[in-house]
Amino acid sequence: MSNKQTDTAPGTLYIIAAPSGAGKTSLVKALLGSTALLMVSVSHTTRLMRPGEEDGKDYNFIDVDTFRAMERDGSFIESAQVFDNFYGTSRSATLDQLKRGVDVILEIDWQGAQQVRELMPDAISIFILPPSREALEQRLKARKQDGPEVIARRMSDAVNEISHYTEFDYIVVNDDMEVALTELRAIILARRLRQEPQAVRNHKIINGLLA
């Protein structure tokens, strides 16, 4: 085995969960646009493609039979049923990015988060909360993607989702998006400044100072 030291520290796996309508997607998109070496894992899903989405970019859209086959083969690091659809995160794609030193975000629900923690206990989990029930309902209506019955169902399911907040390492309240974004960046920056990864990235500086 080679003892050659490199400048690349393994990436961190981040779990980001939130009830539907809390603004998670918008926050993650803004985070990606302002943070280097950070990516979102593209999940596999059996749900229908929404207007404006692209296969392979937003999700890998597959049918139920294909999903079940991948699940049996152990291709997913986590998988879950959300409403009437199935979602799963590719194990090989995630591990490959982490080995390259890229931080990877998993946008999953609390069920998937539990599965990931069992396999990868070092994963950092963040839960995004809306400021109130009223704000959450208004955001769901403003998206104009769902009818009244679906919105009512999402509001009901949000209570169950939020009840699992104690299982997460960090909580970010998305009342003001810029504030919430700053808090998310702070979590990632603090993680990157830990002694272990910093020692790997800066071993030349450290060796020179200790020579």
N, C-alpha and C. Protein backbone atom coordinates (compact mmCIF):
# COMPACT_ATOMS: atom_id res chain seq x y z
N MET A 1 0.84 -1.20 0.00
CA MET A 1 0.00 0.00 0.00
C MET A 1 0.87 1.25 0.00
N SER A 2 0.52 2.21 -0.83
CA SER A 2 1.31 3.43 -0.93
C SER A 2 1.11 4.32 0.29
N ASN A 3 2.20 4.93 0.79
CA ASN A 3 2.13 5.87 1.90
C ASN A 3 2.20 7.31 1.41
N LYS A 4 2.09 7.48 0.11
CA LYS A 4 2.19 8.82 -0.45
C LYS A 4 1.04 9.68 0.06
N GLN A 5 1.39 10.86 0.58
CA GLN A 5 0.38 11.76 1.12
C GLN A 5 -0.18 12.65 0.02
N THR A 6 -1.48 12.85 0.04
CA THR A 6 -2.13 13.68 -0.98
C THR A 6 -2.71 14.93 -0.34
N ASP A 7 -3.19 15.83 -1.19
CA ASP A 7 -3.80 17.06 -0.71
C ASP A 7 -5.32 16.95 -0.66
N THR A 8 -5.85 15.76 -0.92
CA THR A 8 -7.29 15.58 -0.98
C THR A 8 -7.81 14.83 0.24
N ALA A 9 -8.65 15.50 1.01
CA ALA A 9 -9.31 14.85 2.14
C ALA A 9 -10.67 14.34 1.68
N PRO A 10 -11.14 13.23 2.23
CA PRO A 10 -12.45 12.72 1.83
C PRO A 10 -13.54 13.75 2.05
N GLY A 11 -14.53 13.75 1.20
CA GLY A 11 -15.64 14.67 1.35
C GLY A 11 -16.56 14.26 2.49
N THR A 12 -17.47 15.13 2.82
CA THR A 12 -18.46 14.88 3.88
C THR A 12 -19.82 14.64 3.24
N LEU A 13 -20.54 13.69 3.79
CA LEU A 13 -21.90 13.42 3.33
C LEU A 13 -22.88 14.20 4.20
N TYR A 14 -23.68 15.04 3.56
CA TYR A 14 -24.68 15.85 4.26
C TYR A 14 -26.08 15.35 3.94
N ILE A 15 -26.87 15.16 4.97
CA ILE A 15 -28.28 14.83 4.81
C ILE A 15 -29.06 16.10 5.09
N ILE A 16 -29.86 16.54 4.13
CA ILE A 16 -30.70 17.71 4.33
C ILE A 16 -32.15 17.30 4.13
N ALA A 17 -32.95 17.45 5.17
CA ALA A 17 -34.36 17.06 5.12
C ALA A 17 -35.23 18.23 5.54
N ALA A 18 -36.48 18.19 5.12
CA ALA A 18 -37.43 19.25 5.45
C ALA A 18 -38.82 18.82 5.01
N PRO A 19 -39.86 19.35 5.63
CA PRO A 19 -41.20 19.09 5.11
C PRO A 19 -41.36 19.78 3.76
N SER A 20 -42.21 19.23 2.91
CA SER A 20 -42.45 19.81 1.60
C SER A 20 -42.95 21.25 1.75
N GLY A 21 -42.28 22.17 1.03
CA GLY A 21 -42.67 23.58 1.10
C GLY A 21 -41.82 24.42 2.03
N ALA A 22 -40.87 23.81 2.72
CA ALA A 22 -40.04 24.56 3.66
C ALA A 22 -38.95 25.37 2.97
N GLY A 23 -38.75 25.14 1.67
CA GLY A 23 -37.74 25.90 0.92
C GLY A 23 -36.41 25.20 0.78
N LYS A 24 -36.39 23.90 1.03
CA LYS A 24 -35.14 23.14 0.98
C LYS A 24 -34.50 23.19 -0.40
N THR A 25 -35.29 22.99 -1.45
CA THR A 25 -34.73 22.96 -2.80
C THR A 25 -34.10 24.29 -3.18
N SER A 26 -34.76 25.38 -2.87
CA SER A 26 -34.22 26.71 -3.19
C SER A 26 -32.95 26.99 -2.41
N LEU A 27 -32.91 26.59 -1.15
CA LEU A 27 -31.73 26.81 -0.33
C LEU A 27 -30.54 26.00 -0.84
N VAL A 28 -30.79 24.74 -1.17
CA VAL A 28 -29.71 23.89 -1.66
C VAL A 28 -29.18 24.41 -2.99
N LYS A 29 -30.06 24.87 -3.86
CA LYS A 29 -29.64 25.43 -5.14
C LYS A 29 -28.74 26.64 -4.93
N ALA A 30 -29.13 27.53 -4.01
CA ALA A 30 -28.32 28.71 -3.72
C ALA A 30 -26.99 28.32 -3.08
N LEU A 31 -27.01 27.29 -2.25
CA LEU A 31 -25.80 26.81 -1.60
C LEU A 31 -24.81 26.28 -2.62
N LEU A 32 -25.32 25.52 -3.59
CA LEU A 32 -24.46 24.97 -4.64
C LEU A 32 -23.82 26.08 -5.47
N GLY A 33 -24.58 27.14 -5.69
CA GLY A 33 -24.08 28.23 -6.52
C GLY A 33 -23.03 29.08 -5.84
N SER A 34 -22.85 28.90 -4.55
CA SER A 34 -21.90 29.74 -3.81
C SER A 34 -20.84 28.94 -3.05
N THR A 35 -20.80 27.63 -3.27
CA THR A 35 -19.88 26.78 -2.51
C THR A 35 -19.17 25.81 -3.45
N ALA A 36 -17.84 25.83 -3.45
CA ALA A 36 -17.06 24.93 -4.29
C ALA A 36 -17.02 23.52 -3.70
N LEU A 37 -16.72 22.56 -4.56
CA LEU A 37 -16.58 21.15 -4.16
C LEU A 37 -17.80 20.66 -3.39
N LEU A 38 -18.97 20.99 -3.90
CA LEU A 38 -20.22 20.59 -3.27
C LEU A 38 -21.20 20.19 -4.37
N MET A 39 -21.87 19.07 -4.19
CA MET A 39 -22.82 18.61 -5.19
C MET A 39 -24.00 17.93 -4.51
N VAL A 40 -25.09 17.83 -5.24
CA VAL A 40 -26.26 17.11 -4.77
C VAL A 40 -26.32 15.77 -5.47
N SER A 41 -26.52 14.73 -4.71
CA SER A 41 -26.69 13.42 -5.31
C SER A 41 -28.00 13.39 -6.09
N VAL A 42 -27.96 12.91 -7.32
CA VAL A 42 -29.16 12.82 -8.15
C VAL A 42 -29.85 11.50 -7.85
N SER A 43 -30.98 11.59 -7.20
CA SER A 43 -31.71 10.39 -6.77
C SER A 43 -32.43 9.72 -7.93
N HIS A 44 -32.71 8.45 -7.73
CA HIS A 44 -33.58 7.72 -8.64
C HIS A 44 -35.00 7.82 -8.08
N THR A 45 -35.98 7.98 -8.95
CA THR A 45 -37.37 8.06 -8.49
C THR A 45 -38.31 7.45 -9.51
N THR A 46 -39.44 6.99 -8.99
CA THR A 46 -40.47 6.43 -9.86
C THR A 46 -41.58 7.45 -10.14
N ARG A 47 -41.49 8.64 -9.56
CA ARG A 47 -42.54 9.63 -9.80
C ARG A 47 -42.43 10.23 -11.20
N LEU A 48 -43.51 10.83 -11.66
CA LEU A 48 -43.52 11.43 -12.97
C LEU A 48 -42.68 12.71 -13.00
N MET A 49 -42.10 12.98 -14.15
CA MET A 49 -41.29 14.19 -14.32
C MET A 49 -42.20 15.42 -14.32
N ARG A 50 -41.80 16.44 -13.55
CA ARG A 50 -42.56 17.69 -13.51
C ARG A 50 -42.08 18.64 -14.60
N PRO A 51 -42.91 19.61 -14.97
CA PRO A 51 -42.51 20.60 -15.99
C PRO A 51 -41.20 21.29 -15.60
N GLY A 52 -40.27 21.35 -16.56
CA GLY A 52 -38.99 22.01 -16.32
C GLY A 52 -37.90 21.09 -15.81
N GLU A 53 -38.24 19.87 -15.40
CA GLU A 53 -37.24 18.94 -14.90
C GLU A 53 -36.56 18.19 -16.04
N GLU A 54 -35.32 17.73 -15.77
CA GLU A 54 -34.57 16.98 -16.76
C GLU A 54 -34.12 15.65 -16.18
N ASP A 55 -34.28 14.60 -16.96
CA ASP A 55 -33.83 13.28 -16.54
C ASP A 55 -32.32 13.27 -16.43
N GLY A 56 -31.80 12.78 -15.31
CA GLY A 56 -30.36 12.73 -15.10
C GLY A 56 -29.81 13.97 -14.43
N LYS A 57 -30.59 15.04 -14.39
CA LYS A 57 -30.15 16.27 -13.75
C LYS A 57 -30.92 16.50 -12.46
N ASP A 58 -32.22 16.50 -12.55
CA ASP A 58 -33.05 16.68 -11.35
C ASP A 58 -33.23 15.35 -10.63
N TYR A 59 -33.56 14.34 -11.39
CA TYR A 59 -33.69 12.97 -10.88
C TYR A 59 -33.36 12.01 -12.02
N ASN A 60 -33.08 10.78 -11.64
CA ASN A 60 -33.02 9.69 -12.61
C ASN A 60 -34.39 9.03 -12.57
N PHE A 61 -35.21 9.28 -13.59
CA PHE A 61 -36.57 8.79 -13.60
C PHE A 61 -36.62 7.36 -14.14
N ILE A 62 -37.12 6.45 -13.32
CA ILE A 62 -37.19 5.05 -13.70
C ILE A 62 -38.55 4.49 -13.32
N ASP A 63 -38.88 3.31 -13.86
CA ASP A 63 -40.16 2.71 -13.51
C ASP A 63 -40.01 1.87 -12.23
N VAL A 64 -41.13 1.41 -11.72
CA VAL A 64 -41.14 0.70 -10.45
C VAL A 64 -40.36 -0.61 -10.53
N ASP A 65 -40.49 -1.35 -11.64
CA ASP A 65 -39.79 -2.62 -11.78
C ASP A 65 -38.27 -2.43 -11.74
N THR A 66 -37.79 -1.39 -12.43
CA THR A 66 -36.35 -1.10 -12.42
C THR A 66 -35.89 -0.71 -11.02
N PHE A 67 -36.70 0.08 -10.36
CA PHE A 67 -36.36 0.50 -8.99
C PHE A 67 -36.25 -0.71 -8.07
N ARG A 68 -37.22 -1.58 -8.14
CA ARG A 68 -37.22 -2.77 -7.29
C ARG A 68 -36.01 -3.65 -7.55
N ALA A 69 -35.62 -3.76 -8.82
CA ALA A 69 -34.46 -4.58 -9.17
C ALA A 69 -33.19 -3.97 -8.59
N MET A 70 -33.05 -2.65 -8.68
CA MET A 70 -31.88 -1.98 -8.11
C MET A 70 -31.85 -2.12 -6.60
N GLU A 71 -33.01 -2.07 -6.00
CA GLU A 71 -33.12 -2.21 -4.54
C GLU A 71 -32.66 -3.59 -4.11
N ARG A 72 -33.08 -4.62 -4.84
CA ARG A 72 -32.69 -6.00 -4.52
C ARG A 72 -31.18 -6.19 -4.69
N ASP A 73 -30.59 -5.49 -5.66
CA ASP A 73 -29.15 -5.62 -5.94
C ASP A 73 -28.28 -4.83 -4.96
N GLY A 74 -28.91 -4.09 -4.06
CA GLY A 74 -28.15 -3.29 -3.10
C GLY A 74 -27.52 -2.06 -3.72
N SER A 75 -28.15 -1.54 -4.77
CA SER A 75 -27.59 -0.38 -5.49
C SER A 75 -27.83 0.94 -4.76
N PHE A 76 -28.73 0.94 -3.77
CA PHE A 76 -29.06 2.18 -3.09
C PHE A 76 -28.43 2.24 -1.70
N ILE A 77 -27.95 3.43 -1.35
CA ILE A 77 -27.47 3.65 0.01
C ILE A 77 -28.66 3.89 0.94
N GLU A 78 -29.76 4.33 0.35
CA GLU A 78 -31.03 4.48 1.06
C GLU A 78 -32.14 4.48 0.03
N SER A 79 -33.31 4.07 0.47
CA SER A 79 -34.48 4.13 -0.40
C SER A 79 -35.71 4.30 0.49
N ALA A 80 -36.71 4.96 -0.05
CA ALA A 80 -37.90 5.21 0.75
C ALA A 80 -39.10 5.46 -0.15
N GLN A 81 -40.28 5.26 0.42
CA GLN A 81 -41.51 5.61 -0.26
C GLN A 81 -42.01 6.93 0.30
N VAL A 82 -42.23 7.91 -0.57
CA VAL A 82 -42.74 9.21 -0.19
C VAL A 82 -44.03 9.43 -0.96
N PHE A 83 -45.13 9.57 -0.25
CA PHE A 83 -46.44 9.60 -0.88
C PHE A 83 -46.61 8.30 -1.67
N ASP A 84 -46.85 8.37 -2.96
CA ASP A 84 -47.08 7.14 -3.73
C ASP A 84 -45.89 6.77 -4.61
N ASN A 85 -44.74 7.39 -4.35
CA ASN A 85 -43.58 7.17 -5.20
C ASN A 85 -42.38 6.66 -4.40
N PHE A 86 -41.40 6.11 -5.13
CA PHE A 86 -40.20 5.58 -4.51
C PHE A 86 -38.98 6.42 -4.89
N TYR A 87 -38.06 6.56 -3.93
CA TYR A 87 -36.84 7.33 -4.14
C TYR A 87 -35.65 6.53 -3.63
N GLY A 88 -34.51 6.65 -4.30
CA GLY A 88 -33.32 5.94 -3.84
C GLY A 88 -32.05 6.68 -4.23
N THR A 89 -31.01 6.54 -3.41
CA THR A 89 -29.73 7.20 -3.64
C THR A 89 -28.68 6.17 -4.04
N SER A 90 -28.02 6.40 -5.16
CA SER A 90 -27.02 5.46 -5.67
C SER A 90 -25.84 5.35 -4.71
N ARG A 91 -25.52 4.14 -4.32
CA ARG A 91 -24.40 3.90 -3.41
C ARG A 91 -23.06 4.19 -4.10
N SER A 92 -22.86 3.66 -5.29
CA SER A 92 -21.57 3.79 -5.97
C SER A 92 -21.27 5.23 -6.34
N ALA A 93 -22.27 5.97 -6.84
CA ALA A 93 -22.04 7.36 -7.24
C ALA A 93 -21.70 8.23 -6.04
N THR A 94 -22.36 7.99 -4.92
CA THR A 94 -22.11 8.78 -3.71
C THR A 94 -20.70 8.53 -3.18
N LEU A 95 -20.32 7.29 -3.05
CA LEU A 95 -19.01 6.95 -2.51
C LEU A 95 -17.88 7.45 -3.40
N ASP A 96 -18.10 7.41 -4.70
CA ASP A 96 -17.08 7.88 -5.65
C ASP A 96 -16.80 9.37 -5.46
N GLN A 97 -17.85 10.16 -5.33
CA GLN A 97 -17.66 11.59 -5.14
C GLN A 97 -16.98 11.90 -3.81
N LEU A 98 -17.34 11.20 -2.76
CA LEU A 98 -16.72 11.42 -1.45
C LEU A 98 -15.23 11.11 -1.49
N LYS A 99 -14.86 10.05 -2.18
CA LYS A 99 -13.45 9.68 -2.29
C LYS A 99 -12.65 10.75 -3.03
N ARG A 100 -13.30 11.46 -3.92
CA ARG A 100 -12.63 12.52 -4.69
C ARG A 100 -12.52 13.81 -3.91
N GLY A 101 -13.06 13.85 -2.68
CA GLY A 101 -12.97 15.04 -1.87
C GLY A 101 -14.13 16.00 -2.05
N VAL A 102 -15.19 15.54 -2.72
CA VAL A 102 -16.35 16.38 -2.95
C VAL A 102 -17.37 16.14 -1.83
N ASP A 103 -17.91 17.22 -1.27
CA ASP A 103 -18.99 17.08 -0.29
C ASP A 103 -20.28 16.80 -1.04
N VAL A 104 -21.04 15.84 -0.54
CA VAL A 104 -22.26 15.40 -1.23
C VAL A 104 -23.48 15.65 -0.34
N ILE A 105 -24.50 16.25 -0.93
CA ILE A 105 -25.76 16.50 -0.22
C ILE A 105 -26.80 15.47 -0.66
N LEU A 106 -27.45 14.88 0.31
CA LEU A 106 -28.59 14.01 0.03
C LEU A 106 -29.85 14.75 0.46
N GLU A 107 -30.72 15.04 -0.49
CA GLU A 107 -32.01 15.65 -0.17
C GLU A 107 -33.01 14.51 0.01
N ILE A 108 -33.17 14.08 1.24
CA ILE A 108 -34.02 12.92 1.52
C ILE A 108 -34.90 13.20 2.74
N ASP A 109 -35.84 12.31 2.99
CA ASP A 109 -36.71 12.49 4.14
C ASP A 109 -36.14 11.76 5.35
N TRP A 110 -36.85 11.81 6.46
CA TRP A 110 -36.34 11.25 7.71
C TRP A 110 -36.16 9.72 7.62
N GLN A 111 -36.97 9.06 6.80
CA GLN A 111 -36.81 7.61 6.65
C GLN A 111 -35.47 7.28 6.02
N GLY A 112 -35.14 7.98 4.93
CA GLY A 112 -33.87 7.78 4.27
C GLY A 112 -32.71 8.17 5.16
N ALA A 113 -32.89 9.23 5.94
CA ALA A 113 -31.84 9.68 6.84
C ALA A 113 -31.47 8.61 7.85
N GLN A 114 -32.47 7.91 8.35
CA GLN A 114 -32.21 6.84 9.30
C GLN A 114 -31.38 5.73 8.67
N GLN A 115 -31.69 5.38 7.44
CA GLN A 115 -30.94 4.33 6.75
C GLN A 115 -29.49 4.75 6.52
N VAL A 116 -29.29 6.00 6.10
CA VAL A 116 -27.94 6.48 5.82
C VAL A 116 -27.11 6.50 7.09
N ARG A 117 -27.69 6.93 8.20
CA ARG A 117 -26.95 6.99 9.47
C ARG A 117 -26.45 5.60 9.89
N GLU A 118 -27.25 4.58 9.62
CA GLU A 118 -26.84 3.22 9.98
C GLU A 118 -25.62 2.78 9.19
N LEU A 119 -25.57 3.14 7.91
CA LEU A 119 -24.46 2.75 7.05
C LEU A 119 -23.27 3.69 7.14
N MET A 120 -23.57 4.99 7.34
CA MET A 120 -22.52 6.01 7.36
C MET A 120 -22.75 6.94 8.54
N PRO A 121 -22.38 6.51 9.74
CA PRO A 121 -22.64 7.29 10.96
C PRO A 121 -21.94 8.64 11.01
N ASP A 122 -20.94 8.85 10.16
CA ASP A 122 -20.24 10.14 10.14
C ASP A 122 -20.98 11.20 9.32
N ALA A 123 -22.07 10.82 8.67
CA ALA A 123 -22.84 11.79 7.88
C ALA A 123 -23.38 12.89 8.79
N ILE A 124 -23.40 14.11 8.25
CA ILE A 124 -23.91 15.26 8.99
C ILE A 124 -25.33 15.54 8.53
N SER A 125 -26.26 15.64 9.46
CA SER A 125 -27.66 15.82 9.09
C SER A 125 -28.18 17.19 9.50
N ILE A 126 -28.94 17.79 8.60
CA ILE A 126 -29.49 19.13 8.80
C ILE A 126 -30.98 19.09 8.51
N PHE A 127 -31.77 19.65 9.41
CA PHE A 127 -33.22 19.70 9.20
C PHE A 127 -33.64 21.15 9.02
N ILE A 128 -34.39 21.43 7.95
CA ILE A 128 -34.84 22.79 7.67
C ILE A 128 -36.31 22.92 8.06
N LEU A 129 -36.59 23.90 8.90
CA LEU A 129 -37.94 24.15 9.38
C LEU A 129 -38.53 25.41 8.75
N PRO A 130 -39.83 25.41 8.49
CA PRO A 130 -40.50 26.67 8.11
C PRO A 130 -40.74 27.48 9.39
N PRO A 131 -40.99 28.78 9.28
CA PRO A 131 -41.18 29.59 10.49
C PRO A 131 -42.52 29.33 11.19
N SER A 132 -43.52 28.80 10.45
CA SER A 132 -44.83 28.55 11.04
C SER A 132 -45.64 27.65 10.11
N ARG A 133 -46.71 27.10 10.64
CA ARG A 133 -47.61 26.27 9.81
C ARG A 133 -48.25 27.12 8.72
N GLU A 134 -48.60 28.37 9.09
CA GLU A 134 -49.25 29.25 8.13
C GLU A 134 -48.31 29.55 6.95
N ALA A 135 -47.04 29.80 7.27
CA ALA A 135 -46.06 30.09 6.21
C ALA A 135 -45.86 28.88 5.32
N LEU A 136 -45.85 27.70 5.92
CA LEU A 136 -45.68 26.47 5.14
C LEU A 136 -46.84 26.28 4.17
N GLU A 137 -48.05 26.45 4.65
CA GLU A 137 -49.22 26.28 3.78
C GLU A 137 -49.23 27.31 2.65
N GLN A 138 -48.86 28.54 2.97
CA GLN A 138 -48.82 29.59 1.95
C GLN A 138 -47.80 29.28 0.87
N ARG A 139 -46.65 28.75 1.26
CA ARG A 139 -45.61 28.40 0.29
C ARG A 139 -46.07 27.26 -0.62
N LEU A 140 -46.77 26.30 -0.05
CA LEU A 140 -47.28 25.19 -0.86
C LEU A 140 -48.30 25.69 -1.88
N LYS A 141 -49.15 26.61 -1.46
CA LYS A 141 -50.14 27.17 -2.39
C LYS A 141 -49.47 28.02 -3.46
N ALA A 142 -48.42 28.76 -3.08
CA ALA A 142 -47.74 29.65 -4.02
C ALA A 142 -47.03 28.89 -5.13
N ARG A 143 -46.66 27.64 -4.89
CA ARG A 143 -45.99 26.85 -5.93
C ARG A 143 -46.92 26.52 -7.09
N LYS A 144 -48.23 26.47 -6.80
CA LYS A 144 -49.25 26.18 -7.81
C LYS A 144 -48.97 24.88 -8.56
N GLN A 145 -48.47 23.90 -7.80
CA GLN A 145 -48.18 22.59 -8.38
C GLN A 145 -49.21 21.54 -7.95
N ASP A 146 -49.88 21.80 -6.81
CA ASP A 146 -50.78 20.80 -6.24
C ASP A 146 -52.15 21.40 -5.97
N GLY A 147 -53.17 20.53 -6.01
CA GLY A 147 -54.52 20.94 -5.69
C GLY A 147 -54.75 20.97 -4.19
N PRO A 148 -55.92 21.43 -3.75
CA PRO A 148 -56.23 21.54 -2.32
C PRO A 148 -56.08 20.24 -1.55
N GLU A 149 -56.50 19.12 -2.16
CA GLU A 149 -56.41 17.84 -1.46
C GLU A 149 -54.95 17.43 -1.22
N VAL A 150 -54.12 17.63 -2.22
CA VAL A 150 -52.70 17.28 -2.07
C VAL A 150 -52.03 18.19 -1.05
N ILE A 151 -52.36 19.47 -1.08
CA ILE A 151 -51.79 20.41 -0.11
C ILE A 151 -52.19 20.01 1.31
N ALA A 152 -53.45 19.65 1.49
CA ALA A 152 -53.91 19.22 2.81
C ALA A 152 -53.15 17.98 3.26
N ARG A 153 -52.89 17.08 2.34
CA ARG A 153 -52.14 15.87 2.67
C ARG A 153 -50.71 16.20 3.04
N ARG A 154 -50.11 17.12 2.30
CA ARG A 154 -48.73 17.52 2.59
C ARG A 154 -48.64 18.21 3.95
N MET A 155 -49.61 19.00 4.29
CA MET A 155 -49.62 19.66 5.59
C MET A 155 -49.72 18.64 6.72
N SER A 156 -50.54 17.63 6.50
CA SER A 156 -50.68 16.58 7.50
C SER A 156 -49.39 15.79 7.66
N ASP A 157 -48.78 15.45 6.52
CA ASP A 157 -47.53 14.70 6.56
C ASP A 157 -46.38 15.53 7.14
N ALA A 158 -46.46 16.85 7.02
CA ALA A 158 -45.40 17.73 7.53
C ALA A 158 -45.26 17.58 9.04
N VAL A 159 -46.37 17.37 9.73
CA VAL A 159 -46.31 17.21 11.19
C VAL A 159 -45.49 15.99 11.56
N ASN A 160 -45.72 14.89 10.84
CA ASN A 160 -44.94 13.67 11.10
C ASN A 160 -43.47 13.87 10.76
N GLU A 161 -43.21 14.54 9.63
CA GLU A 161 -41.83 14.80 9.22
C GLU A 161 -41.10 15.64 10.27
N ILE A 162 -41.74 16.72 10.70
CA ILE A 162 -41.11 17.64 11.66
C ILE A 162 -40.89 16.96 13.02
N SER A 163 -41.71 16.00 13.37
CA SER A 163 -41.57 15.33 14.67
C SER A 163 -40.24 14.59 14.80
N HIS A 164 -39.54 14.39 13.68
CA HIS A 164 -38.25 13.68 13.71
C HIS A 164 -37.06 14.64 13.76
N TYR A 165 -37.31 15.90 14.06
CA TYR A 165 -36.22 16.89 14.07
C TYR A 165 -35.12 16.54 15.07
N THR A 166 -35.48 15.83 16.15
CA THR A 166 -34.49 15.51 17.19
C THR A 166 -33.43 14.53 16.71
N GLU A 167 -33.66 13.89 15.56
CA GLU A 167 -32.70 12.92 15.04
C GLU A 167 -31.59 13.58 14.23
N PHE A 168 -31.68 14.90 14.04
CA PHE A 168 -30.72 15.61 13.18
C PHE A 168 -29.71 16.41 14.00
N ASP A 169 -28.53 16.61 13.39
CA ASP A 169 -27.44 17.31 14.08
C ASP A 169 -27.67 18.81 14.16
N TYR A 170 -28.25 19.38 13.10
CA TYR A 170 -28.45 20.83 13.03
C TYR A 170 -29.88 21.14 12.61
N ILE A 171 -30.36 22.30 13.05
CA ILE A 171 -31.67 22.81 12.63
C ILE A 171 -31.48 24.21 12.07
N VAL A 172 -32.04 24.44 10.90
CA VAL A 172 -32.03 25.76 10.27
C VAL A 172 -33.47 26.17 10.02
N VAL A 173 -33.88 27.33 10.54
CA VAL A 173 -35.22 27.84 10.32
C VAL A 173 -35.20 28.76 9.10
N ASN A 174 -35.96 28.40 8.09
CA ASN A 174 -35.98 29.18 6.85
C ASN A 174 -37.10 30.22 6.90
N ASP A 175 -36.86 31.29 7.65
CA ASP A 175 -37.78 32.42 7.67
C ASP A 175 -37.30 33.46 6.66
N ASP A 176 -36.02 33.85 6.80
CA ASP A 176 -35.35 34.72 5.84
C ASP A 176 -34.35 33.86 5.07
N MET A 177 -34.49 33.76 3.76
CA MET A 177 -33.66 32.83 2.98
C MET A 177 -32.18 33.15 3.09
N GLU A 178 -31.81 34.43 3.07
CA GLU A 178 -30.40 34.80 3.14
C GLU A 178 -29.78 34.39 4.48
N VAL A 179 -30.54 34.54 5.55
CA VAL A 179 -30.06 34.12 6.87
C VAL A 179 -29.89 32.61 6.90
N ALA A 180 -30.90 31.90 6.41
CA ALA A 180 -30.83 30.43 6.39
C ALA A 180 -29.66 29.95 5.55
N LEU A 181 -29.43 30.61 4.41
CA LEU A 181 -28.32 30.23 3.54
C LEU A 181 -26.98 30.46 4.24
N THR A 182 -26.86 31.56 4.94
CA THR A 182 -25.63 31.85 5.68
C THR A 182 -25.38 30.78 6.74
N GLU A 183 -26.43 30.35 7.39
CA GLU A 183 -26.29 29.32 8.42
C GLU A 183 -25.87 27.98 7.81
N LEU A 184 -26.42 27.64 6.65
CA LEU A 184 -26.01 26.41 5.98
C LEU A 184 -24.54 26.46 5.58
N ARG A 185 -24.11 27.60 5.04
CA ARG A 185 -22.70 27.76 4.66
C ARG A 185 -21.80 27.62 5.89
N ALA A 186 -22.24 28.16 7.02
CA ALA A 186 -21.44 28.10 8.25
C ALA A 186 -21.23 26.66 8.70
N ILE A 187 -22.25 25.83 8.56
CA ILE A 187 -22.14 24.43 8.94
C ILE A 187 -21.09 23.73 8.09
N ILE A 188 -21.13 23.97 6.78
CA ILE A 188 -20.20 23.32 5.87
C ILE A 188 -18.78 23.84 6.09
N LEU A 189 -18.63 25.15 6.26
CA LEU A 189 -17.30 25.73 6.49
C LEU A 189 -16.67 25.19 7.77
N ALA A 190 -17.45 25.13 8.83
CA ALA A 190 -16.92 24.62 10.10
C ALA A 190 -16.47 23.18 9.95
N ARG A 191 -17.23 22.40 9.21
CA ARG A 191 -16.85 21.00 8.98
C ARG A 191 -15.55 20.90 8.21
N ARG A 192 -15.36 21.77 7.22
CA ARG A 192 -14.15 21.72 6.41
C ARG A 192 -12.91 22.21 7.17
N LEU A 193 -13.12 22.99 8.21
CA LEU A 193 -11.99 23.54 8.97
C LEU A 193 -11.57 22.65 10.14
N ARG A 194 -12.16 21.47 10.26
CA ARG A 194 -11.71 20.55 11.31
C ARG A 194 -10.24 20.19 11.12
N GLN A 195 -9.62 19.82 12.20
CA GLN A 195 -8.18 19.53 12.18
C GLN A 195 -7.81 18.44 11.19
N GLU A 196 -8.56 17.34 11.17
CA GLU A 196 -8.17 16.20 10.33
C GLU A 196 -8.13 16.53 8.83
N PRO A 197 -9.22 17.06 8.24
CA PRO A 197 -9.14 17.39 6.81
C PRO A 197 -8.18 18.53 6.51
N GLN A 198 -8.07 19.49 7.43
CA GLN A 198 -7.15 20.60 7.22
C GLN A 198 -5.69 20.12 7.22
N ALA A 199 -5.41 19.14 8.05
CA ALA A 199 -4.05 18.59 8.10
C ALA A 199 -3.70 17.91 6.79
N VAL A 200 -4.68 17.27 6.17
CA VAL A 200 -4.45 16.61 4.88
C VAL A 200 -4.24 17.66 3.79
N ARG A 201 -5.11 18.64 3.73
CA ARG A 201 -5.02 19.66 2.68
C ARG A 201 -3.76 20.51 2.80
N ASN A 202 -3.32 20.74 4.02
CA ASN A 202 -2.22 21.67 4.25
C ASN A 202 -0.96 21.00 4.81
N HIS A 203 -0.77 19.72 4.46
CA HIS A 203 0.37 19.01 5.04
C HIS A 203 1.70 19.62 4.62
N LYS A 204 1.78 20.20 3.40
CA LYS A 204 3.03 20.83 2.97
C LYS A 204 3.35 22.04 3.84
N ILE A 205 2.35 22.85 4.12
CA ILE A 205 2.54 24.02 4.99
C ILE A 205 2.97 23.58 6.38
N ILE A 206 2.25 22.59 6.92
CA ILE A 206 2.54 22.11 8.27
C ILE A 206 3.93 21.51 8.36
N ASN A 207 4.30 20.68 7.38
CA ASN A 207 5.64 20.08 7.38
C ASN A 207 6.72 21.14 7.29
N GLY A 208 6.46 22.19 6.49
CA GLY A 208 7.44 23.27 6.36
C GLY A 208 7.59 24.05 7.64
N LEU A 209 6.50 24.24 8.36
CA LEU A 209 6.56 24.98 9.62
C LEU A 209 7.24 24.17 10.72
N LEU A 210 7.14 22.86 10.63
CA LEU A 210 7.74 22.00 11.67
C LEU A 210 9.15 21.55 11.34
N ALA A 211 9.62 21.88 10.13
CA ALA A 211 10.96 21.41 9.72
C ALA A 211 12.05 22.07 10.57
